[in-house]
């Protein structure tokens, strides 16, 4: 009998307990022995829940109990999660977590500590929720040179953009709807500002490069500036806006970015809608591989955590070698990366504005949405810094009012 402790009895923690209790037989068969939850750590009591019988409010009960072989951290945040996880690994207990903030900030250190103590630090649920992505990257695509990872990694923002597109709603309206449905937190910044997505692409990039990718160095732009008008234009173009995380790898070099992107419906990520996530991995020999599924939610995320628990139990006393070094991975400045951009501009004299755009960018595609005193155009493929400089110059041109919106094209 393998005994475990769960730190946190929120959405994911309660899901972990539920999955273990509901699927105990198949989990035990796959792990090679039955798995029992001996403790659940939480500040609260749950008098109407059978879990109350195993609730503890003191982490020392867990860390000092030699029967506990695996600790499941689903508290969220970095403190005290980091301190609890580090202590557990140093005590010879494997740790499984869904905490992307913890993994992005302290992953390399915790992986090293796990290796030193011949235990495992596993975090499949930290990136794709219920979508298996880390194991395939680490174990299955081992003969590939990964050239690119691009993904929709946040269900909340994907739901919001899907609803804005389908129902013609403004950002503020869909945010309120997402909060009412429980998809968005009361403080939604981590999702809508792109921070959650940024941490996830940092984790994936660290695995690909074998070095620590600092999420704080990744250019990150959320969806807060995407308007109904932007989407009206994009629908006229027959395309969609998605919040994409992209990392491209070229030998020892890489760049990464999180931002809204206009994408073709024919692209594998183009029809990933609602709360679903999708991750596209490009290998030099394999080509494109698509991972798709529920990127969040109580039971999908809990299922991924329990899969890690099974791996930890099956590999007692053996580190699985799942790691990246603490050496820092340098990131290429995205201002040097070539991109095409969708630009909305207002004008006082349309003919003069069109002439100014032609003088600045050459021949461009013009997009009209029937809105008075404005139109949009698509820039040629140029370095980000070059486009930004040209747009700055354009704002001073005769006939042009102001740049109203800028969104990258895929």
Protein backbone atom coordinates (compact mmCIF):
# COMPACT_ATOMS: atom_id res chain seq x y z
CA UNK A 1 0.00 0.00 0.00
CA UNK A 2 1.46 3.35 -1.11
CA UNK A 3 0.37 6.21 1.13
CA UNK A 4 0.22 9.79 -0.10
CA UNK A 5 -0.59 13.26 1.20
CA UNK A 6 -2.46 16.00 -0.67
CA UNK A 7 -1.56 19.62 0.06
CA UNK A 8 -4.66 21.72 -0.59
CA UNK A 9 -8.31 20.68 -0.85
CA UNK A 10 -9.50 23.18 -3.44
CA UNK A 11 -10.74 22.38 -6.92
CA UNK A 12 -7.80 20.21 -8.03
CA UNK A 13 -7.06 18.73 -4.60
CA UNK A 14 -10.63 17.53 -4.13
CA UNK A 15 -10.49 16.20 -7.70
CA UNK A 16 -7.36 14.17 -6.92
CA UNK A 17 -9.07 12.55 -3.93
CA UNK A 18 -12.18 11.88 -6.04
CA UNK A 19 -10.21 10.28 -8.90
CA UNK A 20 -8.25 8.04 -6.51
CA UNK A 21 -11.43 6.95 -4.70
CA UNK A 22 -13.45 6.43 -7.91
CA UNK A 23 -10.79 4.62 -9.94
CA UNK A 24 -8.91 2.93 -7.11
CA UNK A 25 -8.78 -0.51 -8.71
CA UNK A 26 -7.39 0.53 -12.07
CA UNK A 27 -4.99 2.98 -10.42
CA UNK A 28 -3.72 0.26 -8.09
CA UNK A 29 -3.31 -2.15 -10.99
CA UNK A 30 -1.28 0.35 -13.01
CA UNK A 31 0.81 1.44 -10.03
CA UNK A 32 1.53 -2.12 -8.92
CA UNK A 33 -0.02 -1.52 -5.50
CA UNK A 34 -3.00 0.24 -4.00
CA UNK A 35 -2.75 3.96 -3.32
CA UNK A 36 -4.28 5.50 -0.22
CA UNK A 37 -4.66 9.17 0.70
CA UNK A 38 -3.50 9.32 4.33
CA UNK A 39 -3.53 13.11 4.82
CA UNK A 40 -5.09 16.17 3.26
CA UNK A 41 -3.52 19.43 4.37
CA UNK A 42 -5.74 22.50 4.44
CA UNK A 43 -6.33 25.52 6.65
CA UNK A 44 -10.06 24.76 6.60
CA UNK A 45 -12.22 22.02 8.04
CA UNK A 46 -14.78 20.12 5.96
CA UNK A 47 -17.32 18.75 8.45
CA UNK A 48 -19.77 17.59 5.77
CA UNK A 49 -17.13 15.78 3.72
CA UNK A 50 -15.65 12.34 4.58
CA UNK A 51 -12.23 13.90 3.89
CA UNK A 52 -12.50 15.54 7.34
CA UNK A 53 -11.30 12.25 8.83
CA UNK A 54 -7.87 12.74 7.23
CA UNK A 55 -7.60 16.54 7.36
CA UNK A 56 -4.53 17.99 9.03
CA UNK A 57 -3.62 21.62 9.54
CA UNK A 58 0.06 20.91 10.27
CA UNK A 59 2.55 20.11 7.49
CA UNK A 60 4.84 18.53 10.09
CA UNK A 61 2.39 15.63 10.36
CA UNK A 62 3.19 14.84 6.73
CA UNK A 63 6.90 15.58 6.52
CA UNK A 64 7.65 13.54 9.65
CA UNK A 65 5.56 10.52 8.64
CA UNK A 66 7.85 7.95 6.99
CA UNK A 67 4.83 6.12 5.55
CA UNK A 68 4.14 9.02 3.17
CA UNK A 69 5.93 8.25 -0.10
CA UNK A 70 4.33 10.84 -2.39
CA UNK A 71 3.26 14.41 -1.65
CA UNK A 72 0.76 16.05 -4.00
CA UNK A 73 1.05 19.85 -4.07
CA UNK A 74 -2.10 21.52 -5.41
CA UNK A 75 -2.11 24.63 -3.24
CA UNK A 76 -1.08 27.08 -5.96
CA UNK A 77 1.26 30.04 -5.67
CA UNK A 78 4.93 29.82 -4.79
CA UNK A 79 4.90 30.18 -1.01
CA UNK A 80 4.55 28.10 1.10
CA UNK A 81 4.28 25.64 -1.80
CA UNK A 82 8.00 25.91 -2.63
CA UNK A 83 9.09 25.41 0.99
CA UNK A 84 6.78 22.38 1.41
CA UNK A 85 7.83 20.78 -1.87
CA UNK A 86 11.54 21.33 -1.26
CA UNK A 87 11.29 19.84 2.24
CA UNK A 88 9.38 16.82 0.91
CA UNK A 89 11.97 16.09 -1.78
CA UNK A 90 14.85 16.48 0.68
CA UNK A 91 13.05 14.03 2.99
CA UNK A 92 12.97 11.43 0.20
CA UNK A 93 9.34 11.85 -0.82
CA UNK A 94 8.36 12.25 -4.47
CA UNK A 95 6.21 15.26 -5.33
CA UNK A 96 3.50 15.68 -7.97
CA UNK A 97 2.07 19.12 -8.72
CA UNK A 98 -0.21 21.06 -11.05
CA UNK A 99 1.30 24.39 -9.96
CA UNK A 100 2.69 26.13 -13.06
CA UNK A 101 3.84 29.18 -11.06
CA UNK A 102 5.98 26.93 -8.86
CA UNK A 103 7.40 24.92 -11.76
CA UNK A 104 8.18 27.98 -13.90
CA UNK A 105 10.01 29.75 -11.07
CA UNK A 106 11.70 26.89 -9.21
CA UNK A 107 11.52 23.90 -11.57
CA UNK A 108 15.24 23.43 -12.25
CA UNK A 109 16.15 23.63 -8.56
CA UNK A 110 13.43 21.21 -7.49
CA UNK A 111 14.32 18.76 -10.25
CA UNK A 112 17.95 18.81 -9.10
CA UNK A 113 16.94 18.17 -5.49
CA UNK A 114 14.71 15.28 -6.61
CA UNK A 115 17.59 13.73 -8.57
CA UNK A 116 19.97 14.10 -5.60
CA UNK A 117 17.50 12.26 -3.35
CA UNK A 118 16.55 9.55 -5.90
CA UNK A 119 12.91 10.62 -5.96
CA UNK A 120 10.81 12.43 -8.58
CA UNK A 121 9.33 15.87 -9.09
CA UNK A 122 6.51 15.45 -11.62
CA UNK A 123 4.27 18.17 -13.04
CA UNK A 124 2.36 16.91 -16.09
CA UNK A 125 -0.76 18.87 -15.09
CA UNK A 126 1.09 22.20 -14.88
CA UNK A 127 0.99 22.92 -18.62
CA UNK A 128 -1.91 21.24 -20.39
CA UNK A 129 -4.22 20.40 -17.51
CA UNK A 130 -5.64 17.08 -18.67
CA UNK A 131 -3.66 17.07 -21.94
CA UNK A 132 -0.59 14.80 -21.82
CA UNK A 133 2.25 16.85 -23.27
CA UNK A 134 5.29 16.66 -20.97
CA UNK A 135 5.67 12.87 -21.14
CA UNK A 136 5.54 12.83 -24.95
CA UNK A 137 8.11 15.63 -25.12
CA UNK A 138 10.41 13.93 -22.64
CA UNK A 139 9.91 10.26 -23.52
CA UNK A 140 8.27 9.77 -26.90
CA UNK A 141 9.70 12.40 -29.25
CA UNK A 142 13.26 11.61 -28.20
CA UNK A 143 14.68 11.31 -31.73
CA UNK A 144 13.31 14.67 -32.85
CA UNK A 145 14.85 18.10 -33.04
CA UNK A 146 11.97 20.28 -31.87
CA UNK A 147 11.74 23.38 -34.05
CA UNK A 148 8.61 25.03 -32.70
CA UNK A 149 5.91 24.78 -30.07
CA UNK A 150 2.81 26.90 -30.54
CA UNK A 151 -0.22 26.54 -28.34
CA UNK A 152 -3.50 27.78 -26.98
CA UNK A 153 -2.64 27.16 -23.35
CA UNK A 154 -5.36 28.99 -21.44
CA UNK A 155 -8.98 27.86 -21.50
CA UNK A 156 -10.36 31.05 -19.96
CA UNK A 157 -9.05 33.38 -22.66
CA UNK A 158 -9.91 30.93 -25.42
CA UNK A 159 -13.48 30.77 -24.14
CA UNK A 160 -13.66 34.57 -24.05
CA UNK A 161 -12.32 35.05 -27.58
CA UNK A 162 -14.61 32.30 -28.88
CA UNK A 163 -17.65 33.98 -27.32
CA UNK A 164 -16.63 37.45 -28.56
CA UNK A 165 -16.39 36.03 -32.08
CA UNK A 166 -19.58 33.97 -32.02
CA UNK A 167 -21.83 36.52 -30.32
CA UNK A 168 -20.29 39.86 -31.25
CA UNK A 169 -19.71 40.87 -27.63
CA UNK A 170 -17.24 43.30 -26.12
CA UNK A 171 -14.36 42.18 -23.91
CA UNK A 172 -15.95 43.45 -20.66
CA UNK A 173 -19.16 41.50 -21.33
CA UNK A 174 -17.44 38.18 -21.98
CA UNK A 175 -15.17 38.63 -18.96
CA UNK A 176 -18.23 39.02 -16.74
CA UNK A 177 -19.78 35.93 -18.33
CA UNK A 178 -16.57 33.91 -17.83
CA UNK A 179 -16.47 34.93 -14.16
CA UNK A 180 -20.11 33.96 -13.65
CA UNK A 181 -19.43 30.55 -15.19
CA UNK A 182 -16.37 30.03 -12.99
CA UNK A 183 -13.89 30.06 -15.89
CA UNK A 184 -12.30 33.34 -14.79
CA UNK A 185 -11.24 34.33 -11.29
CA UNK A 186 -12.53 37.44 -9.54
CA UNK A 187 -9.07 38.86 -10.26
CA UNK A 188 -8.57 37.53 -13.80
CA UNK A 189 -5.15 39.12 -14.46
CA UNK A 190 -3.17 35.86 -14.56
CA UNK A 191 -5.35 34.62 -17.42
CA UNK A 192 -6.30 37.74 -19.40
CA UNK A 193 -2.87 39.42 -19.16
CA UNK A 194 -1.21 36.25 -20.46
CA UNK A 195 0.85 35.42 -17.34
CA UNK A 196 -0.57 31.89 -17.00
CA UNK A 197 0.19 31.15 -20.66
CA UNK A 198 3.67 32.64 -20.31
CA UNK A 199 4.61 30.29 -17.46
CA UNK A 200 3.41 27.31 -19.44
CA UNK A 201 5.45 28.09 -22.56
CA UNK A 202 8.47 28.69 -20.30
CA UNK A 203 8.09 25.19 -18.86
CA UNK A 204 7.74 23.61 -22.30
CA UNK A 205 10.74 25.56 -23.60
CA UNK A 206 12.85 24.50 -20.63
CA UNK A 207 12.13 20.86 -21.40
CA UNK A 208 13.02 21.30 -25.09
CA UNK A 209 16.25 23.22 -24.48
CA UNK A 210 17.32 21.40 -21.32
CA UNK A 211 18.01 24.78 -19.74
CA UNK A 212 16.05 27.13 -17.51
CA UNK A 213 13.90 29.54 -19.53
CA UNK A 214 13.05 32.55 -17.39
CA UNK A 215 9.35 33.30 -17.86
CA UNK A 216 9.96 36.91 -16.84
CA UNK A 217 12.04 37.42 -20.01
CA UNK A 218 9.30 36.23 -22.37
CA UNK A 219 7.37 38.97 -24.19
CA UNK A 220 3.81 38.70 -22.89
CA UNK A 221 0.67 40.45 -24.09
CA UNK A 222 -2.83 39.43 -23.05
CA UNK A 223 -6.27 39.88 -24.61
CA UNK A 224 -7.44 42.97 -22.70
CA UNK A 225 -6.99 45.24 -25.74
CA UNK A 226 -8.87 42.99 -28.16
CA UNK A 227 -12.15 44.68 -29.04
CA UNK A 228 -15.38 43.71 -30.78
CA UNK A 229 -14.29 45.98 -33.64
CA UNK A 230 -11.02 44.07 -34.06
CA UNK A 231 -12.98 40.86 -34.26
CA UNK A 232 -15.41 42.34 -36.80
CA UNK A 233 -12.47 43.04 -39.10
CA UNK A 234 -10.93 39.61 -38.54
CA UNK A 235 -14.24 37.88 -39.29
CA UNK A 236 -14.40 39.85 -42.55
CA UNK A 237 -11.03 38.31 -43.35
CA UNK A 238 -12.38 34.82 -42.61
CA UNK A 239 -9.93 34.33 -39.76
CA UNK A 240 -9.96 34.20 -35.94
CA UNK A 241 -8.01 35.71 -33.05
CA UNK A 242 -6.36 33.33 -30.57
CA UNK A 243 -4.06 33.95 -27.63
CA UNK A 244 -1.01 31.99 -28.73
CA UNK A 245 2.19 31.08 -26.97
CA UNK A 246 4.99 30.41 -29.43
CA UNK A 247 8.55 29.23 -28.89
CA UNK A 248 10.89 28.67 -31.84
CA UNK A 249 14.19 26.83 -31.53
CA UNK A 250 17.19 27.06 -33.86
CA UNK A 251 20.22 25.22 -32.57
CA UNK A 252 21.16 26.85 -29.28
CA UNK A 253 19.01 29.90 -29.98
CA UNK A 254 15.35 30.43 -29.23
CA UNK A 255 12.72 33.10 -28.94
CA UNK A 256 9.34 33.00 -27.24
CA UNK A 257 6.27 35.19 -27.24
CA UNK A 258 2.72 35.29 -25.86
CA UNK A 259 0.20 37.50 -27.67
CA UNK A 260 -3.11 37.60 -29.54
CA UNK A 261 -2.58 36.33 -33.08
CA UNK A 262 -4.79 36.29 -36.17
CA UNK A 263 -4.90 32.76 -37.50
CA UNK A 264 -6.36 30.91 -40.48
CA UNK A 265 -9.22 28.44 -39.73
CA UNK A 266 -7.25 25.83 -41.69
CA UNK A 267 -4.43 25.96 -39.13
CA UNK A 268 -4.58 23.06 -36.62
CA UNK A 269 -5.17 25.60 -33.83
CA UNK A 270 -7.66 27.66 -35.82
CA UNK A 271 -10.74 25.74 -34.67
CA UNK A 272 -9.71 25.07 -31.08
CA UNK A 273 -12.63 26.76 -29.37
CA UNK A 274 -14.36 27.32 -26.06
CA UNK A 275 -12.39 26.16 -22.98
CA UNK A 276 -10.33 23.67 -24.98
CA UNK A 277 -6.57 23.92 -25.40
CA UNK A 278 -4.35 22.81 -28.25
CA UNK A 279 -0.58 22.43 -28.52
CA UNK A 280 1.22 22.08 -31.85
CA UNK A 281 4.72 20.59 -31.76
CA UNK A 282 6.91 20.72 -34.88
CA UNK A 283 9.77 18.26 -35.23
CA UNK A 284 12.38 18.28 -37.96
CA UNK A 285 11.52 14.73 -39.08
CA UNK A 286 8.09 14.03 -37.60
CA UNK A 287 6.53 17.27 -38.78
CA UNK A 288 3.47 18.59 -36.96
CA UNK A 289 1.98 16.79 -33.95
CA UNK A 290 -1.17 18.16 -32.34
CA UNK A 291 -2.22 17.68 -28.71
CA UNK A 292 -5.83 18.66 -27.95
CA UNK A 293 -8.18 18.46 -25.00
CA UNK A 294 -9.50 20.04 -21.85
CA UNK A 295 -6.71 22.28 -20.63
CA UNK A 296 -8.30 22.92 -17.25
CA UNK A 297 -11.10 21.73 -15.01
CA UNK A 298 -11.29 19.76 -11.82
CA UNK A 299 -11.25 16.16 -13.05
CA UNK A 300 -9.13 16.50 -16.23
CA UNK A 301 -6.37 18.24 -14.24
CA UNK A 302 -6.73 15.82 -11.33
CA UNK A 303 -6.44 12.89 -13.75
CA UNK A 304 -3.07 14.19 -14.96
CA UNK A 305 -1.88 14.61 -11.36
CA UNK A 306 -2.93 11.05 -10.50
CA UNK A 307 -1.04 9.75 -13.55
CA UNK A 308 2.07 11.36 -12.06
CA UNK A 309 1.32 9.72 -8.71
CA UNK A 310 1.19 6.33 -10.45
CA UNK A 311 4.58 7.01 -12.09
CA UNK A 312 6.07 8.06 -8.76
CA UNK A 313 4.82 4.90 -7.02
CA UNK A 314 6.03 2.65 -9.84
CA UNK A 315 9.52 4.16 -9.69
CA UNK A 316 10.37 4.18 -5.99
CA UNK A 317 14.05 4.84 -5.36
CA UNK A 318 14.59 5.70 -9.03
CA UNK A 319 14.80 9.16 -10.52
CA UNK A 320 13.23 9.24 -13.99
CA UNK A 321 15.79 11.71 -15.32
CA UNK A 322 13.10 14.24 -16.18
CA UNK A 323 14.95 17.50 -15.78
CA UNK A 324 16.50 20.61 -17.16
CA UNK A 325 19.67 22.21 -15.88
CA UNK A 326 19.88 25.42 -13.85
CA UNK A 327 21.92 26.95 -16.68
CA UNK A 328 20.01 29.91 -18.12
CA UNK A 329 18.72 29.76 -21.70
CA UNK A 330 19.33 33.03 -23.53
CA UNK A 331 16.35 34.39 -25.47
CA UNK A 332 16.60 36.18 -28.79
CA UNK A 333 15.05 39.66 -28.69
CA UNK A 334 11.69 39.36 -30.48
CA UNK A 335 12.18 42.83 -31.96
CA UNK A 336 14.47 41.11 -34.48
CA UNK A 337 11.90 38.43 -35.38
CA UNK A 338 10.04 38.92 -38.64
CA UNK A 339 6.28 39.18 -38.44
CA UNK A 340 3.31 40.60 -40.34
CA UNK A 341 0.78 42.73 -38.45
CA UNK A 342 -2.85 43.72 -38.78
CA UNK A 343 -3.17 47.48 -38.19
CA UNK A 344 -6.34 49.53 -37.72
CA UNK A 345 -6.01 53.25 -38.37
CA UNK A 346 -8.34 56.23 -38.30
CA UNK A 347 -8.09 58.93 -40.94
CA UNK A 348 -9.16 62.48 -41.70
CA UNK A 349 -8.65 62.17 -45.45
CA UNK A 350 -8.78 58.60 -46.70
CA UNK A 351 -6.85 59.15 -49.94
CA UNK A 352 -4.04 60.84 -48.05
CA UNK A 353 -3.99 58.07 -45.44
CA UNK A 354 -3.80 55.39 -48.13
CA UNK A 355 -0.97 57.25 -49.82
CA UNK A 356 0.93 57.59 -46.53
CA UNK A 357 0.59 53.86 -45.87
CA UNK A 358 1.79 53.06 -49.38
CA UNK A 359 4.76 55.39 -48.96
CA UNK A 360 5.62 53.79 -45.61
CA UNK A 361 4.98 50.07 -46.26
CA UNK A 362 4.68 49.69 -50.03
CA UNK A 363 1.81 47.59 -51.38
CA UNK A 364 -0.42 46.32 -48.56
CA UNK A 365 -3.76 44.52 -48.28
CA UNK A 366 -6.54 46.88 -47.18
CA UNK A 367 -9.37 45.55 -45.00
CA UNK A 368 -12.69 47.40 -44.68
CA UNK A 369 -15.39 46.69 -42.09
CA UNK A 370 -17.87 49.44 -42.99
CA UNK A 371 -16.79 51.65 -40.08
CA UNK A 372 -16.71 55.39 -40.67
CA UNK A 373 -13.32 57.13 -40.73
CA UNK A 374 -11.20 54.02 -40.29
CA UNK A 375 -9.88 50.96 -42.10
CA UNK A 376 -7.21 48.32 -41.56
CA UNK A 377 -4.23 47.00 -43.49
CA UNK A 378 -1.80 44.09 -43.28
CA UNK A 379 1.89 44.93 -43.18
CA UNK A 380 4.53 43.01 -45.14
CA UNK A 381 6.72 40.54 -43.29
CA UNK A 382 9.30 42.66 -41.46
CA UNK A 383 11.23 42.67 -38.20
CA UNK A 384 9.06 43.76 -35.25
CA UNK A 385 11.28 46.78 -34.60
CA UNK A 386 11.03 47.90 -38.23
CA UNK A 387 7.22 47.70 -38.20
CA UNK A 388 7.03 49.58 -34.90
CA UNK A 389 9.25 52.36 -36.25
CA UNK A 390 7.21 52.64 -39.45
CA UNK A 391 3.95 52.80 -37.46
CA UNK A 392 5.42 55.57 -35.32
CA UNK A 393 6.33 57.49 -38.46
CA UNK A 394 2.91 56.81 -39.97
CA UNK A 395 1.20 58.53 -37.03
CA UNK A 396 2.80 61.80 -38.12
CA UNK A 397 1.66 61.52 -41.75
CA UNK A 398 -0.89 63.73 -43.51
CA UNK A 399 -4.41 62.32 -43.45
CA UNK A 400 -3.71 59.65 -40.84
CA UNK A 401 -5.43 60.02 -37.47
CA UNK A 402 -4.05 57.41 -35.10
CA UNK A 403 -3.15 53.76 -34.92
CA UNK A 404 -6.15 52.16 -33.20
CA UNK A 405 -5.06 48.54 -32.91
CA UNK A 406 -2.17 46.26 -33.84
CA UNK A 407 -2.39 42.45 -33.80
CA UNK A 408 0.16 39.95 -35.09
CA UNK A 409 -0.61 37.61 -37.97
CA UNK A 410 0.37 33.95 -37.72
